[in-house]
Protein backbone atom coordinates (compact mmCIF):
# COMPACT_ATOMS: atom_id res chain seq x y z
CA UNK A 1 128.54 102.09 57.90
CA UNK A 2 129.79 103.43 61.24
CA UNK A 3 127.26 106.26 61.18
CA UNK A 4 124.42 103.76 60.61
CA UNK A 5 125.45 101.74 63.65
CA UNK A 6 125.47 104.88 65.77
CA UNK A 7 121.95 105.93 64.77
CA UNK A 8 119.84 102.76 64.58
CA UNK A 9 118.79 100.51 67.43
CA UNK A 10 119.19 96.79 66.72
CA UNK A 11 116.06 94.82 65.72
CA UNK A 12 116.27 91.50 67.57
CA UNK A 13 113.21 91.12 69.87
CA UNK A 14 110.62 88.39 69.17
CA UNK A 15 107.24 87.90 70.86
CA UNK A 16 108.64 85.57 73.55
CA UNK A 17 111.25 88.11 74.61
CA UNK A 18 108.66 90.86 74.26
CA UNK A 19 106.32 88.99 76.62
CA UNK A 20 109.15 88.49 79.10
CA UNK A 21 110.11 92.17 78.95
CA UNK A 22 106.48 93.22 79.44
CA UNK A 23 105.83 90.80 82.30
CA UNK A 24 109.15 91.85 83.80
CA UNK A 25 108.18 95.52 83.67
CA UNK A 26 104.78 94.96 85.32
CA UNK A 27 105.31 91.95 87.56
CA UNK A 28 107.97 92.33 90.20
CA UNK A 29 108.25 94.13 93.51
CA UNK A 30 104.55 95.01 93.43
CA UNK A 31 103.37 91.42 93.77
CA UNK A 32 105.81 90.80 96.64
CA UNK A 33 104.75 93.69 98.85
CA UNK A 34 101.45 95.23 97.68
CA UNK A 35 98.98 92.41 98.52
CA UNK A 36 99.74 92.92 102.21
CA UNK A 37 99.81 96.73 102.01
CA UNK A 38 96.46 96.82 100.18
CA UNK A 39 94.92 94.38 102.69
CA UNK A 40 96.15 96.53 105.57
CA UNK A 41 94.50 99.56 103.97
CA UNK A 42 91.14 98.11 102.85
CA UNK A 43 90.89 94.66 104.46
CA UNK A 44 89.26 91.88 102.38
CA UNK A 45 87.77 94.61 100.14
CA UNK A 46 91.28 95.07 98.76
CA UNK A 47 90.35 92.21 96.42
CA UNK A 48 87.93 94.65 94.78
CA UNK A 49 90.83 97.08 94.33
CA UNK A 50 92.90 94.41 92.59
CA UNK A 51 89.98 93.36 90.38
CA UNK A 52 89.14 96.93 89.37
CA UNK A 53 92.76 97.79 88.59
CA UNK A 54 92.96 94.67 86.40
CA UNK A 55 89.82 95.71 84.53
CA UNK A 56 90.95 99.32 84.25
CA UNK A 57 94.27 98.23 82.78
CA UNK A 58 92.66 96.39 79.85
CA UNK A 59 91.66 99.40 77.70
CA UNK A 60 95.05 100.95 78.47
CA UNK A 61 96.86 97.84 77.25
CA UNK A 62 94.73 97.76 74.10
CA UNK A 63 95.51 101.41 73.35
CA UNK A 64 99.25 100.98 74.06
CA UNK A 65 99.37 97.88 71.86
CA UNK A 66 97.69 99.71 69.01
CA UNK A 67 99.98 102.74 69.27
CA UNK A 68 103.20 100.75 69.75
CA UNK A 69 102.57 98.45 66.79
CA UNK A 70 101.48 101.30 64.50
CA UNK A 71 104.22 103.75 65.57
CA UNK A 72 107.27 101.75 66.69
CA UNK A 73 109.42 104.45 68.28
CA UNK A 74 111.71 104.31 71.32
CA UNK A 75 110.06 107.46 72.70
CA UNK A 76 107.00 105.38 73.72
CA UNK A 77 104.16 107.36 75.27
CA UNK A 78 106.09 110.62 74.86
CA UNK A 79 106.05 110.01 71.10
CA UNK A 80 102.30 109.38 71.09
CA UNK A 81 101.76 112.62 73.03
CA UNK A 82 103.87 114.52 70.50
CA UNK A 83 101.73 113.18 67.66
CA UNK A 84 98.44 113.77 69.47
CA UNK A 85 99.01 117.02 71.36
CA UNK A 86 102.38 118.51 70.43
CA UNK A 87 106.12 118.67 71.20
CA UNK A 88 105.77 120.62 74.46
CA UNK A 89 103.35 118.10 75.90
CA UNK A 90 105.70 115.34 74.72
CA UNK A 91 108.60 116.89 76.59
CA UNK A 92 106.42 117.29 79.69
CA UNK A 93 105.41 113.62 79.48
CA UNK A 94 109.02 112.47 79.17
CA UNK A 95 110.14 114.51 82.17
CA UNK A 96 107.22 113.26 84.26
CA UNK A 97 108.37 109.72 83.54
CA UNK A 98 112.02 110.46 84.19
CA UNK A 99 111.27 112.35 87.42
CA UNK A 100 109.48 109.22 88.69
CA UNK A 101 112.36 106.85 88.03
CA UNK A 102 114.68 108.05 90.85
CA UNK A 103 112.04 106.82 93.32
CA UNK A 104 110.56 103.84 91.46
CA UNK A 105 113.78 101.95 90.76
CA UNK A 106 115.35 102.25 94.24
CA UNK A 107 112.14 101.16 96.01
CA UNK A 108 111.89 98.12 93.75
CA UNK A 109 115.50 97.22 94.45
CA UNK A 110 114.95 97.71 98.19
CA UNK A 111 112.03 95.28 98.25
CA UNK A 112 114.26 92.64 96.65
CA UNK A 113 117.07 93.44 99.07
CA UNK A 114 114.71 93.11 102.06
CA UNK A 115 113.91 89.59 100.87
CA UNK A 116 117.57 88.67 100.71
CA UNK A 117 118.25 90.47 103.98
CA UNK A 118 115.58 88.39 105.71
CA UNK A 119 117.70 85.29 105.04
CA UNK A 120 121.04 86.63 106.20
CA UNK A 121 119.77 89.07 108.86
CA UNK A 122 121.43 92.00 107.13
CA UNK A 123 121.55 95.46 108.60
CA UNK A 124 120.01 98.45 106.82
CA UNK A 125 123.40 99.21 105.29
CA UNK A 126 123.67 95.69 103.85
CA UNK A 127 120.16 95.88 102.43
CA UNK A 128 120.84 99.20 100.72
CA UNK A 129 124.15 97.93 99.31
CA UNK A 130 122.38 94.88 97.88
CA UNK A 131 119.77 97.17 96.29
CA UNK A 132 122.55 99.20 94.71
CA UNK A 133 124.10 96.00 93.36
CA UNK A 134 120.78 94.98 91.81
CA UNK A 135 120.48 98.32 90.00
CA UNK A 136 124.07 98.29 88.77
CA UNK A 137 123.62 94.74 87.42
CA UNK A 138 120.61 95.90 85.38
CA UNK A 139 122.53 98.89 84.04
CA UNK A 140 125.47 96.67 83.06
CA UNK A 141 123.32 94.12 81.19
CA UNK A 142 121.36 96.85 79.41
CA UNK A 143 124.66 98.47 78.47
CA UNK A 144 125.74 95.21 76.82
CA UNK A 145 122.74 95.05 74.48
CA UNK A 146 119.08 94.09 74.07
CA UNK A 147 119.75 90.47 73.01
CA UNK A 148 121.47 89.67 76.31
CA UNK A 149 118.79 91.64 78.16
CA UNK A 150 115.96 89.72 76.47
CA UNK A 151 117.43 86.30 77.16
CA UNK A 152 118.17 87.08 80.82
CA UNK A 153 114.64 88.42 81.26
CA UNK A 154 113.06 85.20 79.95
CA UNK A 155 114.97 83.26 82.63
CA UNK A 156 114.09 85.68 85.42
CA UNK A 157 110.37 85.81 84.51
CA UNK A 158 110.25 82.01 84.54
CA UNK A 159 111.64 82.15 88.09
CA UNK A 160 108.91 84.62 89.05
CA UNK A 161 106.15 82.26 87.98
CA UNK A 162 107.78 79.41 89.88
CA UNK A 163 107.93 81.49 93.07
CA UNK A 164 104.33 82.68 92.84
CA UNK A 165 102.95 79.23 92.07
CA UNK A 166 104.74 77.72 95.08
CA UNK A 167 103.60 80.57 97.33
CA UNK A 168 99.94 80.31 96.33
CA UNK A 169 99.80 76.51 96.55
CA UNK A 170 101.50 76.56 99.93
CA UNK A 171 98.99 79.04 101.34
CA UNK A 172 95.75 77.46 100.08
CA UNK A 173 95.31 75.02 103.02
CA UNK A 174 95.51 77.96 105.45
CA UNK A 175 92.62 79.92 103.88
CA UNK A 176 89.52 80.24 106.08
CA UNK A 177 86.18 81.88 105.29
CA UNK A 178 86.13 83.96 108.48
CA UNK A 179 88.91 86.06 106.96
CA UNK A 180 86.37 87.51 104.50
CA UNK A 181 83.43 88.10 106.87
CA UNK A 182 84.18 91.72 107.73
CA UNK A 183 84.58 92.63 104.10
CA UNK A 184 84.64 96.43 104.48
CA UNK A 185 86.31 97.13 107.83
CA UNK A 186 87.10 100.74 106.88
CA UNK A 187 84.41 101.52 104.28
CA UNK A 188 84.74 102.05 100.54
CA UNK A 189 87.14 105.01 100.56
CA UNK A 190 90.22 102.86 101.35
CA UNK A 191 89.33 100.71 98.32
CA UNK A 192 89.98 103.73 96.08
CA UNK A 193 93.04 104.74 98.09
CA UNK A 194 94.43 101.22 97.76
CA UNK A 195 94.01 101.46 94.00
CA UNK A 196 96.46 104.39 93.86
CA UNK A 197 99.06 102.23 95.61
CA UNK A 198 98.21 99.16 93.51
CA UNK A 199 98.80 101.22 90.39
CA UNK A 200 102.49 100.55 91.10
CA UNK A 201 101.76 96.89 90.30
CA UNK A 202 100.10 97.83 86.99
CA UNK A 203 102.74 100.26 85.75
CA UNK A 204 104.96 99.06 82.97
CA UNK A 205 102.70 98.26 80.00
CA UNK A 206 104.04 101.36 78.28
CA UNK A 207 107.62 100.07 78.48
CA UNK A 208 107.02 97.89 75.43
CA UNK A 209 106.71 101.11 73.43
CA UNK A 210 110.30 102.07 74.26
CA UNK A 211 111.50 98.76 72.79
CA UNK A 212 109.15 98.90 69.77
CA UNK A 213 111.90 99.97 67.37
CA UNK A 214 113.84 96.83 68.30
CA UNK A 215 111.08 94.28 67.53
CA UNK A 216 111.64 92.12 64.47
CA UNK A 217 107.95 92.42 63.54
CA UNK A 218 106.27 95.05 65.76
CA UNK A 219 102.81 94.87 64.14
CA UNK A 220 102.56 91.14 64.87
CA UNK A 221 104.68 90.61 67.98
CA UNK A 222 103.74 93.61 70.15
CA UNK A 223 99.98 92.78 70.40
CA UNK A 224 100.82 89.12 71.09
CA UNK A 225 103.34 90.06 73.78
CA UNK A 226 100.87 92.36 75.51
CA UNK A 227 97.97 89.92 75.25
CA UNK A 228 99.86 87.02 76.82
CA UNK A 229 101.35 89.28 79.50
CA UNK A 230 98.06 90.85 80.60
CA UNK A 231 96.39 87.44 81.00
CA UNK A 232 99.22 85.93 83.05
CA UNK A 233 99.68 88.97 85.26
CA UNK A 234 96.03 89.44 86.21
CA UNK A 235 95.56 85.77 87.10
CA UNK A 236 98.65 85.77 89.30
CA UNK A 237 97.79 89.05 91.01
CA UNK A 238 94.31 87.90 91.98
CA UNK A 239 95.59 84.52 93.18
CA UNK A 240 98.26 86.04 95.43
CA UNK A 241 95.90 88.73 96.76
CA UNK A 242 93.27 86.09 97.53
CA UNK A 243 95.59 83.89 99.61
CA UNK A 244 97.04 86.93 101.36
CA UNK A 245 93.58 87.93 102.56
CA UNK A 246 92.32 84.38 103.09
CA UNK A 247 95.22 83.40 105.36
CA UNK A 248 95.22 86.81 107.12
CA UNK A 249 98.98 86.74 106.90
CA UNK A 250 98.93 90.52 106.43
CA UNK A 251 97.79 90.93 110.04
CA UNK A 252 100.93 89.51 111.60
CA UNK A 253 103.57 89.24 108.86
CA UNK A 254 106.03 91.79 107.55
CA UNK A 255 104.51 93.22 104.37
CA UNK A 256 107.99 93.47 102.80
CA UNK A 257 108.54 89.69 103.06
CA UNK A 258 105.01 88.34 102.85
CA UNK A 259 105.88 85.63 100.30
CA UNK A 260 108.38 84.06 102.68
CA UNK A 261 105.66 83.76 105.32
CA UNK A 262 103.18 82.23 102.87
CA UNK A 263 105.59 79.51 101.77
CA UNK A 264 106.81 78.83 105.30
CA UNK A 265 103.21 77.98 106.29
CA UNK A 266 103.57 74.60 104.61
CA UNK A 267 107.21 73.97 103.82
CA UNK A 268 108.93 75.52 106.81
CA UNK A 269 111.70 78.07 107.15
CA UNK A 270 114.08 76.35 104.72
CA UNK A 271 111.65 76.75 101.81
CA UNK A 272 110.95 80.27 103.01
CA UNK A 273 114.65 81.03 102.75
CA UNK A 274 114.73 79.72 99.18
CA UNK A 275 111.83 81.97 98.25
CA UNK A 276 113.56 84.89 99.92
CA UNK A 277 116.58 84.31 97.71
CA UNK A 278 114.42 84.03 94.61
CA UNK A 279 112.44 87.09 95.70
CA UNK A 280 115.62 89.07 95.26
CA UNK A 281 115.71 87.81 91.66
CA UNK A 282 112.01 88.65 91.16
CA UNK A 283 112.64 92.31 91.83
CA UNK A 284 115.28 92.34 89.14
CA UNK A 285 112.55 92.01 86.45
CA UNK A 286 111.06 95.52 86.50
CA UNK A 287 114.41 97.13 87.30
CA UNK A 288 115.94 95.56 84.19
CA UNK A 289 113.09 96.52 81.86
CA UNK A 290 112.49 100.01 83.24
CA UNK A 291 116.15 101.00 83.14
CA UNK A 292 116.32 99.81 79.54
CA UNK A 293 113.12 101.67 78.69
CA UNK A 294 114.13 104.90 80.42
CA UNK A 295 117.49 104.94 78.67
CA UNK A 296 115.69 104.68 75.33
CA UNK A 297 113.29 107.45 76.34
CA UNK A 298 116.24 109.75 77.05
CA UNK A 299 117.80 108.70 73.74
CA UNK A 300 114.56 109.44 71.84
CA UNK A 301 114.11 112.85 73.49
CA UNK A 302 117.70 113.78 72.61
CA UNK A 303 117.15 112.54 69.04
CA UNK A 304 114.09 114.80 68.82
CA UNK A 305 116.03 117.80 70.10
CA UNK A 306 114.54 118.08 73.61
CA UNK A 307 117.57 116.79 75.54
CA UNK A 308 121.33 117.41 75.06
CA UNK A 309 122.80 115.87 71.89
CA UNK A 310 125.20 113.64 73.84
CA UNK A 311 122.29 111.41 74.92
CA UNK A 312 121.46 110.44 71.35
CA UNK A 313 124.76 108.62 70.92
CA UNK A 314 124.61 104.82 70.69
CA UNK A 315 127.42 102.52 71.70
CA UNK A 316 129.44 101.69 68.56
CA UNK A 317 129.54 97.97 69.39
CA UNK A 318 126.40 97.19 71.44
CA UNK A 319 124.11 99.78 69.78
CA UNK A 320 122.66 100.81 73.15
CA UNK A 321 122.02 104.31 74.57
CA UNK A 322 125.02 103.97 76.87
CA UNK A 323 125.35 107.66 77.78
CA UNK A 324 121.79 107.73 79.13
CA UNK A 325 122.44 104.55 81.14
CA UNK A 326 125.56 106.04 82.73
CA UNK A 327 123.70 109.21 83.73
CA UNK A 328 120.78 107.30 85.29
CA UNK A 329 123.04 105.38 87.68
CA UNK A 330 123.94 108.30 90.02
CA UNK A 331 120.25 109.26 90.40
CA UNK A 332 119.35 105.83 91.74
CA UNK A 333 122.36 105.65 94.03
CA UNK A 334 121.66 109.07 95.54
CA UNK A 335 118.07 108.10 96.44
CA UNK A 336 119.31 104.83 97.96
CA UNK A 337 121.81 106.77 100.06
CA UNK A 338 119.11 109.19 101.26
CA UNK A 339 116.78 106.28 102.04
CA UNK A 340 119.50 104.71 104.19
CA UNK A 341 120.47 107.97 105.83
CA UNK A 342 116.92 109.00 106.79
CA UNK A 343 115.27 105.52 107.06
CA UNK A 344 112.54 106.37 104.56
CA UNK A 345 109.29 104.41 104.55
CA UNK A 346 108.68 102.42 101.35
CA UNK A 347 105.03 103.45 100.90
CA UNK A 348 105.70 107.10 99.94
CA UNK A 349 108.49 105.96 97.62
CA UNK A 350 105.90 103.78 95.86
CA UNK A 351 103.10 106.36 95.68
CA UNK A 352 105.20 109.26 94.34
CA UNK A 353 106.11 107.58 91.03
CA UNK A 354 102.57 106.17 90.80
CA UNK A 355 101.13 109.70 90.81
CA UNK A 356 103.49 110.74 88.02
CA UNK A 357 102.63 107.73 85.90
CA UNK A 358 98.91 108.24 86.36
CA UNK A 359 99.31 111.69 84.82
CA UNK A 360 101.55 110.23 82.08
CA UNK A 361 98.88 107.68 81.24
CA UNK A 362 96.22 110.40 81.25
CA UNK A 363 98.18 112.44 78.70
CA UNK A 364 99.21 109.41 76.67
CA UNK A 365 95.76 107.89 76.42
CA UNK A 366 94.15 111.24 75.57
CA UNK A 367 96.69 111.57 72.76
CA UNK A 368 96.05 108.02 71.59
CA UNK A 369 92.32 108.78 71.42
CA UNK A 370 93.09 111.53 68.91
CA UNK A 371 95.34 109.35 66.76
CA UNK A 372 93.98 105.80 66.79
CA UNK A 373 91.63 105.19 63.85
CA UNK A 374 88.25 103.61 64.48
CA UNK A 375 85.64 104.21 67.15
CA UNK A 376 86.58 101.17 69.24
CA UNK A 377 90.21 102.23 69.59
CA UNK A 378 89.24 105.80 70.49
CA UNK A 379 86.72 104.52 73.05
CA UNK A 380 89.32 102.37 74.84
CA UNK A 381 91.81 105.21 74.86
CA UNK A 382 89.36 107.75 76.31
CA UNK A 383 88.21 105.27 78.96
CA UNK A 384 91.86 104.75 79.95
CA UNK A 385 92.50 108.48 80.14
CA UNK A 386 89.44 109.12 82.32
CA UNK A 387 90.15 106.19 84.64
CA UNK A 388 93.83 107.16 85.00
CA UNK A 389 92.91 110.70 85.98
CA UNK A 390 90.21 109.43 88.35
CA UNK A 391 92.69 107.20 90.19
CA UNK A 392 95.20 110.09 90.19
CA UNK A 393 92.78 112.15 92.29
CA UNK A 394 92.92 109.49 95.04
CA UNK A 395 96.68 109.90 95.46
CA UNK A 396 96.25 112.60 98.12
CA UNK A 397 99.14 114.92 98.85
CA UNK A 398 101.46 112.83 96.69
CA UNK A 399 99.98 114.58 93.62
CA UNK A 400 101.81 117.72 94.79
CA UNK A 401 105.10 116.28 93.49
CA UNK A 402 103.53 115.69 90.08
CA UNK A 403 101.95 119.14 90.02
CA UNK A 404 105.21 120.85 90.99
CA UNK A 405 107.14 119.01 88.26
CA UNK A 406 104.51 120.00 85.69
CA UNK A 407 104.49 123.66 86.76
CA UNK A 408 108.28 123.88 86.65
CA UNK A 409 108.44 122.39 83.15
CA UNK A 410 105.62 124.58 81.83
CA UNK A 411 107.34 127.66 83.31
CA UNK A 412 110.67 126.72 81.71
CA UNK A 413 108.99 126.13 78.37
CA UNK A 414 107.32 129.55 78.48
CA UNK A 415 110.58 131.24 79.47
CA UNK A 416 112.31 129.56 76.56
CA UNK A 417 109.60 130.82 74.20
CA UNK A 418 109.80 134.33 75.58
CA UNK A 419 113.59 134.27 75.30
């Protein structure tokens, strides 16, 4: 009986919790900071970037839903790559994902901390300490089990929708048509460049795959969770991007706290302070889901023999991959310390993990195209793979990090074979 508890993850996720986990993985820091960054890059044409990314995400979501419900495995995309291409490509995919997380989680936590810091006028040290606290809270709750994680995520996601609805409604009276007249101030190239940054706001669909083993009924609940999540997220993204451009708040506001400015338009600084406090909570969503998903990815890779055996241990009481969670914590804290020490800009910290995930999606969707039965499923998967690689090419010099990681892993794999 003890051995069974150490091997199997607990099945306790329903479609409501699955929707909350999915929305939490995708919707978070991106919606708080990226509408302004994209508008700064491409002007009003950034709306095209948002629309295209929403459309491009649809075939990817369909393919991920099909794979996750058919093959419920905590390895997620890495598992699909193993089935479609092979174990070496699976290991490469897993490491690409894990080498993105040291940057993706700290930058998400920092956006939330900037929101809170805007209320209390915190120094850089205070902001980075708050970000560390956000990450450690997520690790602690994930350590305690998926049931507690799922319930807390439902509450947090509900807060997100409240914040975004208030922000959009508050900004509508300030929209003016002149904000859209010079639609392409910098040409079409920045529209594509903005899409590589916006990809950060559309990462996370694959996280449902890492929790697939823990769904009560994966074949029914995973497609429902993804379908509800994709509809809600795209509507909210377009609404927030539209008011950001229409009010031209991106021209004079701080992109890191743009929601505070939008709400303060109508309700004043007090309401802006409330949103700043809730913005800190918003950023908890993706941190919570990603940390849970990454820990399960490490667990799955160890279970499959690619990582050290210690990582495949589950907590005897909570049935969580606790060893993986404890090893992820120092990675995040080190990056936060370096960010504080060298005053890193947030934009590179966003784009680096985006480049990795674009390659992960390329590999994952190409694998799905080889596995999914039926022409329609294969079509959606190939479209996703091609679009992911196309957006990857717009990432500029940031692709060098992805390329270096891939070359190192391929070299190590060949050395292992030769040995």
